[in-house]
């Protein structure tokens, strides 16, 4: 039984219904309005002669109505006390002034008090005990009133002509059952409305919490998208600077060595330095421009809005067709590169989406820069491939190999290799980075793509 009552009144739920703003003022206005209605109703009944048999003085009748209405002023601040007070008021006034207790306005007051106790109780376990106590008190009072008080005599007086009864049940039991059903429906209806009100507020609170959680998650996703975009731009900037600074250093060194005996070769090397520096400035300007545009994005922008179509940071003017020119920029008197292109049937280089081509270009850029800085190799080979996986999905691949040994005192930060792996992971591809068994170093990156879908993303 107790388990059912706990479920009925949600006693296991620890949620506390929050009180609305200015609730005390609203409840006080309600109390005054109900007292005014009770006073008007009392005077109407007195004018009709209905209260002629009431022996209590007029001031006591008004005091009874005022005390009942006063309970409504604290119905949400102290809901359980309001329910208990209304029950006690009904029992006392019903015993000494039954005609006053029985008027409609007073019954509405008791209904609101019971409803408020159930709807606004903050301790739901205590509410179960209060509900059981109120029910027991009303049952005992009804039994006492009918059996030992004047209730039975009133029933017999109202049934002065029992011969008019034509039902299946005798008049007195029928009257008792009818009275009991009225009280059950009356107070049970108040409790049911209170339960419905509390559960409705609980659902609205849960929905508000869910909406807030969704909004916070959406904001976190937007922030994460911006951070990831900035990290991507930072990796791009690292690759640009590393490549061009390495090329400038190599060409400047070559120019210094041949300047005295081969001015033409020195001039060619310096022209390469000039072109590389201008290219570095142009690419950095494009990347930083994309970073500034990300700063100007509104807070409500979606994650996709951080990479709008045509964003220069997405394409940066580089793709798989630029890898041959990239490799050639590393050529010098003591270092050479070779580029081989192997395309699968039906998968030309032009099919590779720009976003995949840019990632392969940056991979080759970082790998060649690492060869020049950290290896004793005098040559590097670049192989660009396209083809299909066993599942029939196309891919593009770049492989950079050299036969040198690690150069002493040139260990890097590892950010370049980390950037390669992050690019591969973002595309769902695969990579092999490390020393070769036959000597040297190897970087191989394979990125799958779907031509139509990836092209649309651009």
Protein backbone atom coordinates (compact mmCIF):
# COMPACT_ATOMS: atom_id res chain seq x y z
CA UNK A 1 0.00 0.00 0.00
CA UNK A 2 2.73 2.45 0.98
CA UNK A 3 4.62 1.67 -2.22
CA UNK A 4 1.53 2.54 -4.27
CA UNK A 5 1.02 5.76 -2.34
CA UNK A 6 4.68 6.67 -2.88
CA UNK A 7 4.28 6.14 -6.61
CA UNK A 8 0.99 8.04 -6.66
CA UNK A 9 2.46 11.11 -4.98
CA UNK A 10 5.96 10.74 -6.59
CA UNK A 11 7.57 10.43 -3.17
CA UNK A 12 10.81 9.04 -4.66
CA UNK A 13 11.38 12.13 -6.78
CA UNK A 14 13.78 14.56 -5.10
CA UNK A 15 12.83 17.45 -7.39
CA UNK A 16 11.54 20.57 -5.65
CA UNK A 17 8.99 22.63 -7.50
CA UNK A 18 10.31 26.20 -7.72
CA UNK A 19 8.08 28.99 -6.48
CA UNK A 20 7.10 31.63 -9.04
CA UNK A 21 7.89 35.30 -8.65
CA UNK A 22 5.52 37.40 -6.52
CA UNK A 23 3.64 34.28 -5.43
CA UNK A 24 2.93 35.71 -1.95
CA UNK A 25 1.22 38.74 -3.45
CA UNK A 26 -0.86 36.59 -5.80
CA UNK A 27 -1.90 34.24 -2.99
CA UNK A 28 -2.80 37.16 -0.72
CA UNK A 29 -5.01 38.63 -3.45
CA UNK A 30 -6.65 35.21 -3.88
CA UNK A 31 -7.30 35.00 -0.13
CA UNK A 32 -8.95 38.44 -0.08
CA UNK A 33 -11.05 37.61 -3.14
CA UNK A 34 -12.26 34.34 -1.61
CA UNK A 35 -13.13 36.07 1.67
CA UNK A 36 -15.13 38.68 -0.25
CA UNK A 37 -17.00 35.93 -2.11
CA UNK A 38 -17.70 34.11 1.16
CA UNK A 39 -19.01 37.29 2.79
CA UNK A 40 -21.32 38.00 -0.15
CA UNK A 41 -22.53 34.40 -0.15
CA UNK A 42 -23.14 34.50 3.59
CA UNK A 43 -25.25 37.64 3.35
CA UNK A 44 -27.26 36.18 0.47
CA UNK A 45 -27.97 33.02 2.48
CA UNK A 46 -28.96 35.11 5.51
CA UNK A 47 -31.29 37.16 3.33
CA UNK A 48 -32.86 33.96 2.02
CA UNK A 49 -33.40 32.71 5.57
CA UNK A 50 -31.22 29.65 5.03
CA UNK A 51 -29.06 30.50 8.05
CA UNK A 52 -32.00 31.08 10.36
CA UNK A 53 -31.14 27.99 12.36
CA UNK A 54 -27.50 29.02 12.87
CA UNK A 55 -26.96 29.81 16.55
CA UNK A 56 -23.41 31.21 16.30
CA UNK A 57 -23.11 35.00 16.41
CA UNK A 58 -22.48 36.89 13.20
CA UNK A 59 -18.93 37.89 14.13
CA UNK A 60 -18.07 34.20 14.69
CA UNK A 61 -19.40 33.35 11.26
CA UNK A 62 -17.24 36.03 9.65
CA UNK A 63 -14.26 34.95 11.74
CA UNK A 64 -14.71 31.39 10.48
CA UNK A 65 -14.73 32.57 6.87
CA UNK A 66 -11.75 34.89 7.39
CA UNK A 67 -9.65 32.17 9.02
CA UNK A 68 -10.35 29.79 6.14
CA UNK A 69 -9.49 32.42 3.53
CA UNK A 70 -6.27 33.33 5.40
CA UNK A 71 -4.97 29.81 4.79
CA UNK A 72 -4.85 30.52 1.05
CA UNK A 73 -2.32 33.31 1.62
CA UNK A 74 0.30 30.67 2.55
CA UNK A 75 -0.87 27.89 0.26
CA UNK A 76 2.37 27.81 -1.78
CA UNK A 77 4.74 28.97 0.94
CA UNK A 78 3.57 26.32 3.44
CA UNK A 79 1.46 23.89 1.41
CA UNK A 80 1.34 20.99 3.88
CA UNK A 81 0.39 23.31 6.73
CA UNK A 82 -2.33 24.76 4.51
CA UNK A 83 -3.79 21.29 3.85
CA UNK A 84 -3.72 20.33 7.52
CA UNK A 85 -5.15 23.69 8.58
CA UNK A 86 -8.00 23.46 6.07
CA UNK A 87 -8.85 19.95 7.28
CA UNK A 88 -8.88 21.07 10.91
CA UNK A 89 -10.97 24.10 9.97
CA UNK A 90 -13.52 21.89 8.16
CA UNK A 91 -13.82 19.54 11.12
CA UNK A 92 -14.20 22.28 13.71
CA UNK A 93 -16.49 24.61 11.79
CA UNK A 94 -18.47 21.64 10.48
CA UNK A 95 -19.16 20.62 14.06
CA UNK A 96 -20.09 24.04 15.51
CA UNK A 97 -21.36 25.92 12.42
CA UNK A 98 -22.33 23.31 9.82
CA UNK A 99 -24.46 25.74 7.79
CA UNK A 100 -21.50 28.13 7.38
CA UNK A 101 -19.15 25.28 6.50
CA UNK A 102 -21.56 23.97 3.91
CA UNK A 103 -21.84 27.09 1.77
CA UNK A 104 -20.28 26.88 -1.72
CA UNK A 105 -17.54 29.49 -1.19
CA UNK A 106 -16.24 27.64 1.87
CA UNK A 107 -16.17 24.34 -0.03
CA UNK A 108 -14.15 26.01 -2.80
CA UNK A 109 -11.69 27.23 -0.14
CA UNK A 110 -11.18 23.67 1.15
CA UNK A 111 -10.81 22.38 -2.41
CA UNK A 112 -8.07 24.93 -3.21
CA UNK A 113 -6.29 24.18 0.07
CA UNK A 114 -6.14 20.42 -0.59
CA UNK A 115 -5.12 21.00 -4.21
CA UNK A 116 -2.32 23.37 -3.15
CA UNK A 117 -0.99 20.92 -0.55
CA UNK A 118 -0.58 18.21 -3.20
CA UNK A 119 0.59 20.47 -6.03
CA UNK A 120 3.20 22.49 -4.11
CA UNK A 121 4.47 20.13 -1.40
CA UNK A 122 8.25 20.14 -1.47
CA UNK A 123 8.67 17.07 0.73
CA UNK A 124 6.76 14.40 -1.19
CA UNK A 125 7.33 11.74 1.48
CA UNK A 126 5.79 13.99 4.12
CA UNK A 127 2.91 14.61 1.71
CA UNK A 128 2.06 10.90 1.76
CA UNK A 129 1.75 11.00 5.54
CA UNK A 130 -0.31 14.21 5.43
CA UNK A 131 -2.66 12.74 2.78
CA UNK A 132 -3.22 9.59 4.86
CA UNK A 133 -3.81 11.68 7.99
CA UNK A 134 -6.33 13.97 6.26
CA UNK A 135 -8.20 10.99 4.83
CA UNK A 136 -8.35 9.21 8.20
CA UNK A 137 -9.50 12.40 9.96
CA UNK A 138 -12.31 12.95 7.46
CA UNK A 139 -13.48 9.33 7.71
CA UNK A 140 -13.49 9.41 11.51
CA UNK A 141 -15.28 12.75 11.52
CA UNK A 142 -17.96 11.52 9.11
CA UNK A 143 -18.55 8.40 11.22
CA UNK A 144 -18.75 10.43 14.41
CA UNK A 145 -20.99 13.08 12.85
CA UNK A 146 -23.43 10.55 11.48
CA UNK A 147 -23.41 8.05 14.32
CA UNK A 148 -23.08 10.22 17.42
CA UNK A 149 -23.82 13.75 16.23
CA UNK A 150 -26.84 15.36 14.68
CA UNK A 151 -26.08 14.18 11.16
CA UNK A 152 -28.33 11.16 11.27
CA UNK A 153 -31.23 13.20 12.62
CA UNK A 154 -30.76 15.69 9.78
CA UNK A 155 -30.91 12.82 7.32
CA UNK A 156 -34.10 11.48 8.85
CA UNK A 157 -35.64 14.94 8.85
CA UNK A 158 -34.81 15.39 5.15
CA UNK A 159 -36.39 12.01 4.36
CA UNK A 160 -39.75 12.81 5.95
CA UNK A 161 -41.65 10.83 3.33
CA UNK A 162 -39.95 7.47 2.94
CA UNK A 163 -42.88 6.11 0.95
CA UNK A 164 -41.69 8.17 -2.03
CA UNK A 165 -38.53 6.04 -2.30
CA UNK A 166 -38.65 3.66 -5.26
CA UNK A 167 -34.97 2.66 -5.60
CA UNK A 168 -33.23 -0.66 -4.91
CA UNK A 169 -31.49 0.69 -1.80
CA UNK A 170 -33.29 1.96 1.31
CA UNK A 171 -33.27 5.76 1.76
CA UNK A 172 -30.86 6.02 4.70
CA UNK A 173 -28.08 3.79 3.24
CA UNK A 174 -28.56 5.51 -0.11
CA UNK A 175 -28.11 8.91 1.48
CA UNK A 176 -24.99 7.73 3.33
CA UNK A 177 -23.44 6.28 0.15
CA UNK A 178 -24.30 9.42 -1.77
CA UNK A 179 -22.66 11.65 0.88
CA UNK A 180 -19.53 9.44 0.95
CA UNK A 181 -19.22 9.49 -2.84
CA UNK A 182 -19.53 13.28 -2.92
CA UNK A 183 -16.68 13.65 -0.43
CA UNK A 184 -14.51 11.08 -2.23
CA UNK A 185 -15.00 12.78 -5.59
CA UNK A 186 -14.58 16.23 -4.06
CA UNK A 187 -11.36 15.71 -2.10
CA UNK A 188 -10.08 13.01 -4.47
CA UNK A 189 -10.55 15.41 -7.39
CA UNK A 190 -8.58 18.12 -5.55
CA UNK A 191 -5.75 15.65 -4.90
CA UNK A 192 -5.81 14.39 -8.52
CA UNK A 193 -5.59 17.93 -9.88
CA UNK A 194 -2.71 18.62 -7.51
CA UNK A 195 -0.83 15.54 -8.71
CA UNK A 196 -1.42 16.52 -12.34
CA UNK A 197 -0.21 20.07 -11.65
CA UNK A 198 2.98 18.85 -9.95
CA UNK A 199 3.76 16.35 -12.71
CA UNK A 200 3.08 18.95 -15.38
CA UNK A 201 5.53 21.34 -13.72
CA UNK A 202 8.04 18.49 -13.45
CA UNK A 203 7.76 17.75 -17.17
CA UNK A 204 8.15 21.41 -18.08
CA UNK A 205 11.23 21.63 -15.87
CA UNK A 206 12.73 18.53 -17.51
CA UNK A 207 12.05 19.93 -20.98
CA UNK A 208 13.65 23.24 -20.01
CA UNK A 209 16.72 21.39 -18.69
CA UNK A 210 16.94 19.34 -21.88
CA UNK A 211 16.63 22.47 -24.01
CA UNK A 212 19.38 24.14 -21.97
CA UNK A 213 21.58 21.06 -22.28
CA UNK A 214 21.04 20.95 -26.05
CA UNK A 215 21.84 24.65 -26.32
CA UNK A 216 25.01 24.22 -24.24
CA UNK A 217 26.07 21.24 -26.35
CA UNK A 218 25.39 23.16 -29.55
CA UNK A 219 27.46 26.08 -28.25
CA UNK A 220 30.24 23.69 -27.24
CA UNK A 221 30.18 22.11 -30.71
CA UNK A 222 30.38 25.57 -32.32
CA UNK A 223 33.32 26.48 -30.10
CA UNK A 224 34.97 23.16 -30.84
CA UNK A 225 34.50 23.69 -34.58
CA UNK A 226 36.13 27.11 -34.34
CA UNK A 227 39.03 25.71 -32.29
CA UNK A 228 39.53 22.84 -34.75
CA UNK A 229 39.48 25.28 -37.65
CA UNK A 230 42.10 27.45 -35.99
CA UNK A 231 44.25 24.42 -35.22
CA UNK A 232 43.99 23.39 -38.86
CA UNK A 233 45.03 26.86 -39.96
CA UNK A 234 47.91 26.74 -37.47
CA UNK A 235 49.09 23.46 -38.99
CA UNK A 236 48.81 24.94 -42.46
CA UNK A 237 50.83 27.96 -41.34
CA UNK A 238 53.48 25.71 -39.83
CA UNK A 239 53.79 23.75 -43.08
CA UNK A 240 53.99 26.91 -45.19
CA UNK A 241 56.69 28.53 -43.05
CA UNK A 242 58.67 25.29 -42.62
CA UNK A 243 58.70 24.59 -46.35
CA UNK A 244 59.59 28.05 -47.57
CA UNK A 245 62.15 28.79 -44.86
CA UNK A 246 63.86 25.48 -45.61
CA UNK A 247 63.87 26.26 -49.33
CA UNK A 248 65.17 29.78 -48.74
CA UNK A 249 67.95 28.45 -46.51
CA UNK A 250 68.99 25.86 -49.07
CA UNK A 251 69.01 28.30 -51.99
CA UNK A 252 70.76 31.00 -49.98
CA UNK A 253 73.50 28.55 -49.02
CA UNK A 254 73.89 27.47 -52.64
CA UNK A 255 74.12 31.08 -53.77
CA UNK A 256 76.80 31.83 -51.18
CA UNK A 257 78.96 28.90 -52.33
CA UNK A 258 78.82 29.69 -56.06
CA UNK A 259 78.66 33.49 -55.90
CA UNK A 260 82.41 33.95 -56.50
CA UNK A 261 82.90 31.69 -59.49
CA UNK A 262 79.39 31.25 -61.00
CA UNK A 263 77.34 34.50 -60.79
CA UNK A 264 74.57 33.12 -63.02
CA UNK A 265 73.93 30.14 -60.73
CA UNK A 266 73.99 32.45 -57.73
CA UNK A 267 71.47 34.74 -59.40
CA UNK A 268 69.19 31.77 -60.14
CA UNK A 269 69.35 30.67 -56.52
CA UNK A 270 68.53 34.19 -55.34
CA UNK A 271 65.57 34.33 -57.74
CA UNK A 272 64.32 31.10 -56.15
CA UNK A 273 64.73 32.70 -52.71
CA UNK A 274 62.71 35.72 -53.88
CA UNK A 275 59.93 33.58 -55.35
CA UNK A 276 59.77 31.38 -52.29
CA UNK A 277 59.57 34.33 -49.91
CA UNK A 278 56.81 35.95 -51.94
CA UNK A 279 54.91 32.67 -52.09
CA UNK A 280 55.27 32.27 -48.32
CA UNK A 281 53.95 35.79 -47.69
CA UNK A 282 50.99 35.21 -50.03
CA UNK A 283 50.04 31.91 -48.42
CA UNK A 284 50.39 33.29 -44.88
CA UNK A 285 48.23 36.25 -45.84
CA UNK A 286 45.51 33.92 -47.12
CA UNK A 287 45.64 31.76 -44.01
CA UNK A 288 45.60 34.70 -41.60
CA UNK A 289 42.73 36.22 -43.56
CA UNK A 290 40.77 33.01 -43.00
CA UNK A 291 41.61 33.20 -39.29
CA UNK A 292 40.30 36.78 -39.08
CA UNK A 293 37.10 35.76 -40.88
CA UNK A 294 36.61 33.03 -38.27
CA UNK A 295 36.94 35.68 -35.54
CA UNK A 296 34.13 37.67 -37.17
CA UNK A 297 31.70 34.73 -37.20
CA UNK A 298 28.57 35.30 -35.07
CA UNK A 299 28.24 33.23 -31.92
CA UNK A 300 25.18 31.49 -33.32
CA UNK A 301 26.87 30.39 -36.52
CA UNK A 302 26.83 26.70 -37.19
CA UNK A 303 29.92 24.55 -37.35
CA UNK A 304 29.73 24.43 -41.12
CA UNK A 305 29.76 28.22 -41.23
CA UNK A 306 33.36 28.19 -40.00
CA UNK A 307 34.37 26.83 -43.40
CA UNK A 308 32.26 28.60 -46.01
CA UNK A 309 32.43 27.66 -49.64
CA UNK A 310 35.29 29.31 -51.38
CA UNK A 311 37.28 29.91 -48.19
CA UNK A 312 40.86 30.42 -49.32
CA UNK A 313 42.14 28.50 -46.33
CA UNK A 314 40.36 25.43 -47.64
CA UNK A 315 42.01 25.43 -51.01
CA UNK A 316 44.95 27.86 -50.64
CA UNK A 317 45.53 27.41 -54.39
CA UNK A 318 47.28 24.04 -53.98
CA UNK A 319 46.40 20.50 -54.96
CA UNK A 320 47.87 17.28 -56.29
CA UNK A 321 48.84 18.93 -59.58
CA UNK A 322 51.14 21.32 -57.68
CA UNK A 323 53.19 18.58 -56.03
CA UNK A 324 55.60 18.31 -59.00
CA UNK A 325 56.34 22.04 -58.82
CA UNK A 326 56.72 21.74 -55.04
CA UNK A 327 59.32 18.99 -55.42
CA UNK A 328 61.20 20.98 -58.06
CA UNK A 329 61.51 23.93 -55.68
CA UNK A 330 63.76 21.79 -53.47
CA UNK A 331 66.21 20.99 -56.23
CA UNK A 332 69.70 22.42 -55.75
CA UNK A 333 73.30 21.59 -56.61
CA UNK A 334 73.52 18.97 -53.85
CA UNK A 335 69.93 17.76 -53.71
CA UNK A 336 67.48 16.48 -56.31
CA UNK A 337 63.92 15.23 -56.35
CA UNK A 338 61.98 12.97 -58.67
CA UNK A 339 58.21 12.77 -59.10
CA UNK A 340 56.27 9.80 -60.44
CA UNK A 341 52.54 9.74 -61.13
CA UNK A 342 50.62 6.45 -61.22
CA UNK A 343 46.92 6.87 -61.91
CA UNK A 344 44.39 4.07 -61.65
CA UNK A 345 41.94 3.32 -64.45
CA UNK A 346 39.12 5.83 -64.43
CA UNK A 347 40.66 7.93 -61.65
CA UNK A 348 42.70 10.80 -63.12
CA UNK A 349 44.33 13.41 -60.92
CA UNK A 350 41.66 15.92 -61.92
CA UNK A 351 39.07 13.79 -60.09
CA UNK A 352 40.76 14.23 -56.71
CA UNK A 353 38.71 16.77 -54.68
CA UNK A 354 40.52 19.99 -53.72
CA UNK A 355 40.31 19.33 -49.98
CA UNK A 356 42.01 15.93 -50.42
CA UNK A 357 44.54 17.39 -52.85
CA UNK A 358 45.43 20.14 -50.37
CA UNK A 359 46.06 17.58 -47.61
CA UNK A 360 48.31 15.53 -49.90
CA UNK A 361 50.13 18.68 -50.97
CA UNK A 362 50.76 19.70 -47.35
CA UNK A 363 51.93 16.17 -46.55
CA UNK A 364 54.48 16.27 -49.37
CA UNK A 365 55.50 19.80 -48.36
CA UNK A 366 56.16 18.78 -44.75
CA UNK A 367 57.91 15.53 -45.71
CA UNK A 368 60.30 17.20 -48.20
CA UNK A 369 61.08 19.97 -45.71
CA UNK A 370 61.91 17.33 -43.11
CA UNK A 371 64.24 15.55 -45.55
CA UNK A 372 66.19 18.76 -46.14
CA UNK A 373 66.40 19.65 -42.45
CA UNK A 374 66.84 16.29 -40.72
CA UNK A 375 68.39 13.86 -43.26
CA UNK A 376 71.76 13.41 -44.95
CA UNK A 377 70.00 12.27 -48.14
CA UNK A 378 71.00 13.95 -51.41
CA UNK A 379 67.81 13.00 -53.20
CA UNK A 380 64.14 12.21 -52.48
CA UNK A 381 61.49 10.42 -54.48
CA UNK A 382 57.82 11.43 -54.62
CA UNK A 383 55.19 9.04 -55.95
CA UNK A 384 51.61 10.18 -56.49
CA UNK A 385 49.02 7.44 -56.96
CA UNK A 386 45.28 7.11 -57.49
CA UNK A 387 43.24 3.94 -57.50
CA UNK A 388 40.46 1.98 -55.83
CA UNK A 389 40.28 0.18 -52.51
CA UNK A 390 39.04 -3.45 -52.47
CA UNK A 391 35.58 -2.07 -51.69
CA UNK A 392 35.59 -0.02 -54.90
CA UNK A 393 36.11 3.37 -53.21
CA UNK A 394 38.66 5.66 -54.90
CA UNK A 395 41.71 6.98 -53.09
CA UNK A 396 44.65 9.30 -53.68
CA UNK A 397 48.06 8.60 -52.21
CA UNK A 398 51.40 10.36 -51.92
CA UNK A 399 54.64 8.65 -50.89
CA UNK A 400 57.96 10.38 -50.13
CA UNK A 401 61.10 8.32 -49.61
CA UNK A 402 64.79 8.99 -49.12
CA UNK A 403 67.89 6.91 -48.46
CA UNK A 404 69.65 9.17 -45.97
CA UNK A 405 70.45 8.91 -42.28
CA UNK A 406 69.24 11.21 -39.50
CA UNK A 407 71.32 14.37 -39.32
CA UNK A 408 72.81 14.92 -35.84
CA UNK A 409 71.50 17.85 -33.81
CA UNK A 410 68.45 18.51 -35.99
CA UNK A 411 65.63 16.88 -34.02
CA UNK A 412 62.38 18.78 -34.48
CA UNK A 413 59.32 19.37 -32.30
CA UNK A 414 57.25 16.61 -33.93
CA UNK A 415 54.37 18.98 -34.68
CA UNK A 416 54.72 18.44 -38.41
CA UNK A 417 54.29 14.65 -38.13
CA UNK A 418 51.43 15.18 -35.68
CA UNK A 419 49.75 17.46 -38.22
CA UNK A 420 50.09 14.76 -40.90
CA UNK A 421 48.42 12.15 -38.70
CA UNK A 422 45.63 14.53 -37.75
CA UNK A 423 44.93 15.27 -41.42
CA UNK A 424 44.81 11.56 -42.20
CA UNK A 425 42.45 10.93 -39.29
CA UNK A 426 40.13 13.75 -40.36
CA UNK A 427 39.81 12.14 -43.82
CA UNK A 428 39.48 8.59 -42.51
CA UNK A 429 42.66 7.56 -44.33
CA UNK A 430 45.81 5.65 -43.44
CA UNK A 431 49.47 6.55 -43.13
CA UNK A 432 52.89 4.98 -42.69
CA UNK A 433 55.57 7.24 -41.26
CA UNK A 434 58.95 5.97 -40.12
CA UNK A 435 62.35 4.51 -41.05
CA UNK A 436 62.62 1.97 -43.86
CA UNK A 437 64.13 -1.47 -43.40
CA UNK A 438 66.50 -0.84 -46.34
CA UNK A 439 67.58 2.52 -44.92
CA UNK A 440 66.22 6.01 -45.13
CA UNK A 441 62.78 7.31 -44.25
CA UNK A 442 59.34 6.88 -45.71
CA UNK A 443 56.12 8.89 -45.51
CA UNK A 444 53.06 7.36 -47.18
CA UNK A 445 49.58 8.85 -46.85
CA UNK A 446 46.46 7.42 -48.50
CA UNK A 447 43.19 9.37 -48.37
CA UNK A 448 39.87 7.92 -49.60
CA UNK A 449 37.34 10.22 -51.19
CA UNK A 450 33.97 10.35 -52.89
CA UNK A 451 34.27 12.69 -55.85
CA UNK A 452 30.70 14.04 -55.86
CA UNK A 453 30.31 14.40 -52.07
CA UNK A 454 33.76 15.88 -51.38
CA UNK A 455 33.40 18.27 -54.28
CA UNK A 456 30.14 19.54 -52.80
CA UNK A 457 31.89 20.19 -49.48
CA UNK A 458 34.10 22.69 -51.22
